[in-house]
Amino acid sequence: MAQGLGKIIKSENNIFQLAVITICTFALMCWLLPGTFLTMRNFRSMSFQFPELGILSLAMMLAMLTGGIDLSLVGIANLASILGAFVFVKLMPANSSHEVVVAYIVGVVALALFVGMSCGLLNGFLISKLNVPPILATLGTMQFYTGIAIVLTKGAAVIGLPTQYSVIGNGSLGVFSIPLIIFIVLLIFFAILLRKTNFGINLYLIGSNAKAAIFSGIKVNKNLMISYMIGGCLAGLAGLIMSSRTNAAKADYGTSYILQSILVAVLGGVKPTGGSGKAIGILIAVLALQFLSSGFSMLRFSNFAKEFVWGVFLLAIMIVNYFTNERNKT
């Protein structure tokens, strides 16, 4: 049994190391801020904050597993949330009954997912059919989606959303926030999808060696299209949560989430070159960043200091992983 546990730890060495660092970070913040960090109020606050980043990080993981990247995720999220907000503001009758508002909310959720899927389809088409490098394709579509959002809103926030809509981003079921429940459900779903289905296995093979995947009979273009469409849907969902939590939609919300989602994916064990990564790593990495962010806010660190520490954190993890992996090879 001890040998089996040792094999598991060795095979998941990077995730194990990140988990240890996350636990140490949590313990450090508890020690520095026992009266504020280690409270139920703080835990509930964090449970509303990190799921939207976690969902975007899952989308980023899908792109990176294939050896690509998706820089347009925040642009998709904001565009989807703005179009949904316009439905409420411009189409929903004033003084609508609760049932009518709920029906509109269902429609807005469907619209946001459709917009996200359509944007992801365009990304996938550029990458798989036109052979545009993922970083260039999604950089261009990021500007395109953000530009549409700015034109539609003229740079202003769309406000006046119904109070019932805020349940998605601010509601709870018992002690668990709804955003956290959504994130955990998605995390479990993608953990199963990536390890137990042909589609998930194909993504790993494409990221490891695209030419070998083609010779193995895998429809690489089709799988790439689907992965970016799924990523777009996740971005649309994240946009809904952001607009619901803030009760507004704007073209520049969450601009830092792109770099943070890449950071979370890499910290979570996703190789930038593709072919490696697990959903559980995303969970551990996003928790580590949330512990740092919440602790720094309570310690009144500036935003510039946060960015610096996150960069140091990423570099430290990559250096430790490199030397550990090199040692395991020998």
Protein backbone atom coordinates (compact mmCIF):
# COMPACT_ATOMS: atom_id res chain seq x y z
CA MET A 1 0.00 0.00 0.00
CA ALA A 2 2.85 2.38 0.84
CA GLN A 3 4.50 1.62 -2.51
CA GLY A 4 1.22 2.30 -4.31
CA LEU A 5 0.83 5.63 -2.55
CA GLY A 6 4.40 6.50 -3.46
CA LYS A 7 3.71 5.79 -7.14
CA ILE A 8 0.62 7.99 -7.08
CA ILE A 9 2.52 10.87 -5.48
CA LYS A 10 5.37 10.50 -7.96
CA SER A 11 3.03 10.36 -10.97
CA GLU A 12 1.18 13.45 -9.78
CA ASN A 13 4.25 15.12 -8.36
CA ASN A 14 3.57 18.65 -9.62
CA ILE A 15 0.01 18.68 -8.30
CA PHE A 16 1.18 17.25 -4.98
CA GLN A 17 3.79 20.00 -4.63
CA LEU A 18 1.23 22.68 -5.48
CA ALA A 19 -1.16 21.24 -2.90
CA VAL A 20 1.57 21.43 -0.24
CA ILE A 21 2.35 25.03 -1.18
CA THR A 22 -1.37 25.92 -1.12
CA ILE A 23 -1.77 24.43 2.35
CA CYS A 24 1.30 26.33 3.54
CA THR A 25 -0.10 29.56 2.04
CA PHE A 26 -3.40 28.98 3.82
CA ALA A 27 -1.62 28.29 7.11
CA LEU A 28 0.54 31.42 6.71
CA MET A 29 -2.51 33.64 6.14
CA CYS A 30 -4.29 32.08 9.10
CA TRP A 31 -1.25 32.81 11.27
CA LEU A 32 -0.87 36.40 10.04
CA LEU A 33 -4.60 37.20 10.13
CA PRO A 34 -6.28 34.85 12.61
CA GLY A 35 -9.10 37.25 13.43
CA THR A 36 -10.06 38.11 9.85
CA PHE A 37 -8.80 35.45 7.43
CA LEU A 38 -9.85 32.42 9.46
CA THR A 39 -13.52 33.36 9.63
CA MET A 40 -16.68 32.02 8.02
CA ARG A 41 -17.39 35.48 6.62
CA ASN A 42 -14.10 35.49 4.73
CA PHE A 43 -14.61 31.95 3.42
CA ARG A 44 -18.08 32.87 2.16
CA SER A 45 -16.68 35.98 0.51
CA MET A 46 -14.00 33.94 -1.25
CA SER A 47 -16.58 31.40 -2.42
CA PHE A 48 -18.27 34.19 -4.40
CA GLN A 49 -15.01 35.56 -5.83
CA PHE A 50 -12.91 32.74 -7.25
CA PRO A 51 -15.45 30.58 -9.19
CA GLU A 52 -15.60 32.96 -12.18
CA LEU A 53 -11.79 32.84 -12.48
CA GLY A 54 -11.93 29.07 -11.98
CA ILE A 55 -14.43 28.68 -14.83
CA LEU A 56 -12.29 30.81 -17.17
CA SER A 57 -9.26 28.75 -16.13
CA LEU A 58 -11.07 25.54 -17.11
CA ALA A 59 -11.69 27.09 -20.52
CA MET A 60 -8.03 28.10 -20.77
CA MET A 61 -7.01 24.56 -19.79
CA LEU A 62 -9.00 23.10 -22.70
CA ALA A 63 -7.18 25.34 -25.17
CA MET A 64 -3.76 24.71 -23.64
CA LEU A 65 -4.23 20.94 -23.57
CA THR A 66 -4.21 20.99 -27.37
CA GLY A 67 -1.05 23.11 -27.44
CA GLY A 68 -3.00 26.33 -28.05
CA ILE A 69 -4.22 29.26 -26.01
CA ASP A 70 -7.38 31.38 -25.86
CA LEU A 71 -6.80 35.07 -25.21
CA SER A 72 -10.37 35.98 -26.14
CA LEU A 73 -12.11 34.44 -23.12
CA VAL A 74 -12.72 37.69 -21.22
CA GLY A 75 -13.86 39.39 -24.43
CA ILE A 76 -16.37 36.59 -24.97
CA ALA A 77 -17.52 36.79 -21.35
CA ASN A 78 -18.13 40.53 -21.52
CA LEU A 79 -19.85 40.39 -24.92
CA ALA A 80 -22.18 37.63 -23.73
CA SER A 81 -23.02 39.48 -20.52
CA ILE A 82 -23.67 42.75 -22.37
CA LEU A 83 -26.01 41.14 -24.88
CA GLY A 84 -27.83 39.46 -22.01
CA ALA A 85 -28.07 42.77 -20.15
CA PHE A 86 -29.56 44.43 -23.25
CA VAL A 87 -32.30 41.80 -23.27
CA PHE A 88 -33.28 42.83 -19.75
CA VAL A 89 -32.94 46.58 -20.28
CA LYS A 90 -34.37 46.97 -23.79
CA LEU A 91 -36.74 44.03 -24.30
CA MET A 92 -38.19 43.06 -20.92
CA PRO A 93 -41.37 45.02 -20.12
CA ALA A 94 -41.28 47.28 -17.09
CA ASN A 95 -42.94 46.00 -13.91
CA SER A 96 -42.87 42.42 -15.20
CA SER A 97 -44.15 39.68 -12.93
CA HIS A 98 -41.75 37.31 -11.20
CA GLU A 99 -42.61 34.51 -13.63
CA VAL A 100 -41.87 36.73 -16.63
CA VAL A 101 -38.54 37.84 -15.15
CA VAL A 102 -37.55 34.22 -14.53
CA ALA A 103 -38.43 33.35 -18.12
CA TYR A 104 -36.24 36.19 -19.34
CA ILE A 105 -33.39 35.01 -17.11
CA VAL A 106 -33.60 31.54 -18.65
CA GLY A 107 -33.52 33.13 -22.08
CA VAL A 108 -30.53 35.28 -21.17
CA VAL A 109 -28.61 32.25 -19.89
CA ALA A 110 -29.34 30.41 -23.16
CA LEU A 111 -28.31 33.48 -25.16
CA ALA A 112 -25.03 33.88 -23.28
CA LEU A 113 -24.13 30.23 -23.83
CA PHE A 114 -25.04 30.51 -27.52
CA VAL A 115 -22.96 33.67 -27.93
CA GLY A 116 -20.04 31.99 -26.17
CA MET A 117 -20.33 28.88 -28.35
CA SER A 118 -20.51 31.00 -31.52
CA CYS A 119 -17.44 33.01 -30.54
CA GLY A 120 -15.60 29.80 -29.72
CA LEU A 121 -16.66 28.41 -33.10
CA LEU A 122 -15.03 31.36 -34.85
CA ASN A 123 -11.84 30.82 -32.83
CA GLY A 124 -11.83 27.13 -33.69
CA PHE A 125 -12.46 27.85 -37.38
CA LEU A 126 -9.53 30.27 -37.60
CA ILE A 127 -7.21 27.84 -35.84
CA SER A 128 -8.26 24.49 -37.32
CA LYS A 129 -9.40 25.42 -40.81
CA LEU A 130 -7.29 28.48 -41.67
CA ASN A 131 -4.25 27.31 -39.66
CA VAL A 132 -3.87 30.65 -37.90
CA PRO A 133 -1.65 30.21 -34.80
CA PRO A 134 -3.89 30.13 -31.69
CA ILE A 135 -2.17 33.08 -30.01
CA LEU A 136 -2.70 35.29 -33.09
CA ALA A 137 -6.21 34.05 -33.82
CA THR A 138 -7.49 34.62 -30.29
CA LEU A 139 -5.59 37.90 -29.93
CA GLY A 140 -7.45 39.14 -32.99
CA THR A 141 -10.84 37.86 -31.86
CA MET A 142 -10.24 39.30 -28.38
CA GLN A 143 -10.00 42.75 -29.95
CA PHE A 144 -12.96 41.96 -32.21
CA TYR A 145 -15.30 40.84 -29.40
CA THR A 146 -14.20 43.66 -27.12
CA GLY A 147 -14.66 46.16 -29.96
CA ILE A 148 -18.23 44.96 -30.54
CA ALA A 149 -18.95 45.31 -26.82
CA ILE A 150 -17.54 48.85 -26.74
CA VAL A 151 -19.54 49.88 -29.82
CA LEU A 152 -22.74 48.49 -28.33
CA THR A 153 -22.28 50.18 -24.96
CA LYS A 154 -20.18 53.21 -26.03
CA GLY A 155 -17.87 52.23 -23.17
CA ALA A 156 -20.51 52.66 -20.47
CA ALA A 157 -21.81 50.03 -18.07
CA VAL A 158 -25.23 48.50 -18.71
CA ILE A 159 -27.17 48.76 -15.45
CA GLY A 160 -30.74 48.27 -14.28
CA LEU A 161 -30.73 44.46 -14.29
CA PRO A 162 -33.54 42.70 -12.36
CA THR A 163 -32.84 41.78 -8.75
CA GLN A 164 -33.80 38.15 -9.44
CA TYR A 165 -30.86 37.91 -11.85
CA SER A 166 -28.40 38.66 -9.05
CA VAL A 167 -29.20 35.27 -7.49
CA ILE A 168 -26.83 33.61 -9.98
CA GLY A 169 -23.82 35.55 -8.73
CA ASN A 170 -24.85 36.37 -5.16
CA GLY A 171 -27.23 33.62 -4.11
CA SER A 172 -26.61 30.63 -1.86
CA LEU A 173 -27.95 27.14 -1.33
CA GLY A 174 -27.45 26.51 2.35
CA VAL A 175 -23.88 27.41 3.26
CA PHE A 176 -22.63 27.11 -0.33
CA SER A 177 -22.68 29.99 -2.80
CA ILE A 178 -24.29 29.32 -6.17
CA PRO A 179 -21.12 30.34 -8.11
CA LEU A 180 -19.14 27.80 -6.08
CA ILE A 181 -21.71 25.07 -6.76
CA ILE A 182 -21.58 25.83 -10.50
CA PHE A 183 -17.77 25.70 -10.48
CA ILE A 184 -17.61 22.41 -8.55
CA VAL A 185 -20.16 20.78 -10.87
CA LEU A 186 -18.16 21.91 -13.91
CA LEU A 187 -14.92 20.75 -12.30
CA ILE A 188 -16.29 17.25 -11.75
CA PHE A 189 -17.75 17.18 -15.25
CA PHE A 190 -14.46 18.09 -16.92
CA ALA A 191 -12.46 15.75 -14.70
CA ILE A 192 -14.63 12.91 -16.04
CA LEU A 193 -14.73 14.26 -19.61
CA LEU A 194 -10.96 14.53 -19.93
CA ARG A 195 -10.07 11.16 -18.40
CA LYS A 196 -13.00 8.90 -19.24
CA THR A 197 -14.13 9.91 -22.75
CA ASN A 198 -12.59 9.59 -26.20
CA PHE A 199 -12.87 13.33 -26.70
CA GLY A 200 -10.79 14.07 -23.62
CA ILE A 201 -8.16 11.49 -24.50
CA ASN A 202 -8.00 12.91 -28.03
CA LEU A 203 -7.23 16.37 -26.67
CA TYR A 204 -4.24 15.00 -24.75
CA LEU A 205 -3.01 13.17 -27.85
CA ILE A 206 -3.39 16.27 -30.03
CA GLY A 207 -1.43 18.34 -27.53
CA SER A 208 1.29 15.71 -27.21
CA ASN A 209 1.80 15.14 -30.94
CA ALA A 210 -0.68 16.51 -33.47
CA LYS A 211 0.87 14.64 -36.41
CA ALA A 212 0.77 11.33 -34.58
CA ALA A 213 -2.86 12.03 -33.66
CA ILE A 214 -3.69 12.52 -37.35
CA PHE A 215 -2.01 9.25 -38.30
CA SER A 216 -3.94 7.55 -35.48
CA GLY A 217 -7.20 8.48 -37.18
CA ILE A 218 -8.16 11.28 -34.80
CA LYS A 219 -10.14 14.10 -36.41
CA VAL A 220 -7.90 16.87 -35.12
CA ASN A 221 -9.78 19.79 -36.68
CA LYS A 222 -13.12 18.59 -35.36
CA ASN A 223 -11.77 18.14 -31.84
CA LEU A 224 -10.11 21.56 -31.91
CA MET A 225 -13.38 23.17 -33.00
CA ILE A 226 -15.30 21.46 -30.22
CA SER A 227 -12.72 22.36 -27.56
CA TYR A 228 -12.82 26.06 -28.44
CA MET A 229 -16.63 26.00 -28.62
CA ILE A 230 -16.79 24.49 -25.14
CA GLY A 231 -14.30 27.08 -23.93
CA GLY A 232 -16.52 29.81 -25.38
CA CYS A 233 -19.55 28.42 -23.55
CA LEU A 234 -17.60 28.46 -20.30
CA ALA A 235 -16.59 32.07 -20.97
CA GLY A 236 -20.23 33.00 -21.60
CA LEU A 237 -21.20 31.39 -18.31
CA ALA A 238 -18.42 33.24 -16.48
CA GLY A 239 -19.71 36.47 -18.00
CA LEU A 240 -23.17 35.75 -16.61
CA ILE A 241 -21.76 35.22 -13.13
CA MET A 242 -19.70 38.43 -13.33
CA SER A 243 -22.62 40.58 -14.48
CA SER A 244 -24.96 38.96 -11.97
CA ARG A 245 -22.53 39.48 -9.08
CA THR A 246 -21.94 43.15 -9.94
CA ASN A 247 -25.49 43.76 -11.27
CA ALA A 248 -24.00 45.40 -14.36
CA ALA A 249 -22.24 44.53 -17.61
CA LYS A 250 -19.32 46.40 -19.17
CA ALA A 251 -16.80 45.84 -21.94
CA ASP A 252 -13.73 46.03 -19.68
CA TYR A 253 -14.80 43.88 -16.73
CA GLY A 254 -12.30 41.24 -15.62
CA THR A 255 -9.46 42.42 -17.85
CA SER A 256 -6.88 40.85 -15.51
CA TYR A 257 -8.57 37.45 -15.71
CA ILE A 258 -6.81 36.43 -18.92
CA LEU A 259 -3.34 36.54 -17.39
CA GLN A 260 -4.66 35.07 -14.16
CA SER A 261 -6.35 32.17 -15.96
CA ILE A 262 -3.09 31.38 -17.76
CA LEU A 263 -1.31 31.59 -14.41
CA VAL A 264 -3.84 29.23 -12.81
CA ALA A 265 -3.59 26.75 -15.68
CA VAL A 266 0.22 26.64 -15.60
CA LEU A 267 0.30 26.45 -11.81
CA GLY A 268 -2.25 23.64 -11.99
CA GLY A 269 0.07 21.49 -14.08
CA VAL A 270 -1.10 22.29 -17.61
CA LYS A 271 1.90 22.32 -19.94
CA PRO A 272 1.99 25.37 -22.24
CA THR A 273 3.05 23.02 -25.04
CA GLY A 274 0.00 20.84 -24.49
CA GLY A 275 -0.71 17.21 -23.68
CA SER A 276 -0.73 17.41 -19.88
CA GLY A 277 -3.01 18.78 -17.18
CA LYS A 278 -5.87 17.87 -14.86
CA ALA A 279 -8.99 19.59 -13.60
CA ILE A 280 -8.01 19.03 -9.96
CA GLY A 281 -4.88 21.09 -10.59
CA ILE A 282 -7.07 24.03 -11.62
CA LEU A 283 -8.96 23.82 -8.32
CA ILE A 284 -5.79 23.78 -6.21
CA ALA A 285 -4.16 26.60 -8.19
CA VAL A 286 -7.17 28.90 -8.07
CA LEU A 287 -7.47 28.33 -4.33
CA ALA A 288 -3.80 29.21 -3.87
CA LEU A 289 -4.25 32.49 -5.75
CA GLN A 290 -7.45 33.28 -3.86
CA PHE A 291 -5.76 32.72 -0.49
CA LEU A 292 -2.95 35.04 -1.54
CA SER A 293 -5.32 37.66 -2.94
CA SER A 294 -7.60 37.71 0.10
CA GLY A 295 -4.67 37.76 2.50
CA PHE A 296 -2.94 40.60 0.65
CA SER A 297 -6.16 42.63 0.59
CA MET A 298 -6.49 42.24 4.36
CA LEU A 299 -2.83 43.18 4.77
CA ARG A 300 -3.54 46.23 2.56
CA PHE A 301 -1.01 45.32 -0.10
CA SER A 302 -1.24 47.42 -3.26
CA ASN A 303 -2.41 45.85 -6.53
CA PHE A 304 1.10 46.26 -7.90
CA ALA A 305 2.47 44.18 -5.04
CA LYS A 306 -0.14 41.48 -5.75
CA GLU A 307 0.94 41.24 -9.39
CA PHE A 308 4.58 41.02 -8.32
CA VAL A 309 3.94 38.23 -5.80
CA TRP A 310 1.79 36.26 -8.26
CA GLY A 311 4.64 36.44 -10.77
CA VAL A 312 7.14 35.29 -8.16
CA PHE A 313 4.75 32.52 -7.14
CA LEU A 314 4.49 31.27 -10.73
CA LEU A 315 8.24 31.38 -11.29
CA ALA A 316 8.90 29.56 -8.02
CA ILE A 317 6.45 26.78 -8.88
CA MET A 318 7.90 26.32 -12.36
CA ILE A 319 11.48 26.21 -11.04
CA VAL A 320 10.57 23.66 -8.35
CA ASN A 321 8.67 21.55 -10.89
CA TYR A 322 11.58 21.67 -13.33
CA PHE A 323 14.18 20.46 -10.87
CA THR A 324 11.81 17.84 -9.46
CA ASN A 325 11.02 16.47 -12.93
CA GLU A 326 14.71 16.43 -13.85
CA ARG A 327 15.48 14.52 -10.67
CA ASN A 328 12.77 11.98 -11.42
CA LYS A 329 14.25 11.35 -14.87
CA THR A 330 17.58 10.29 -13.40
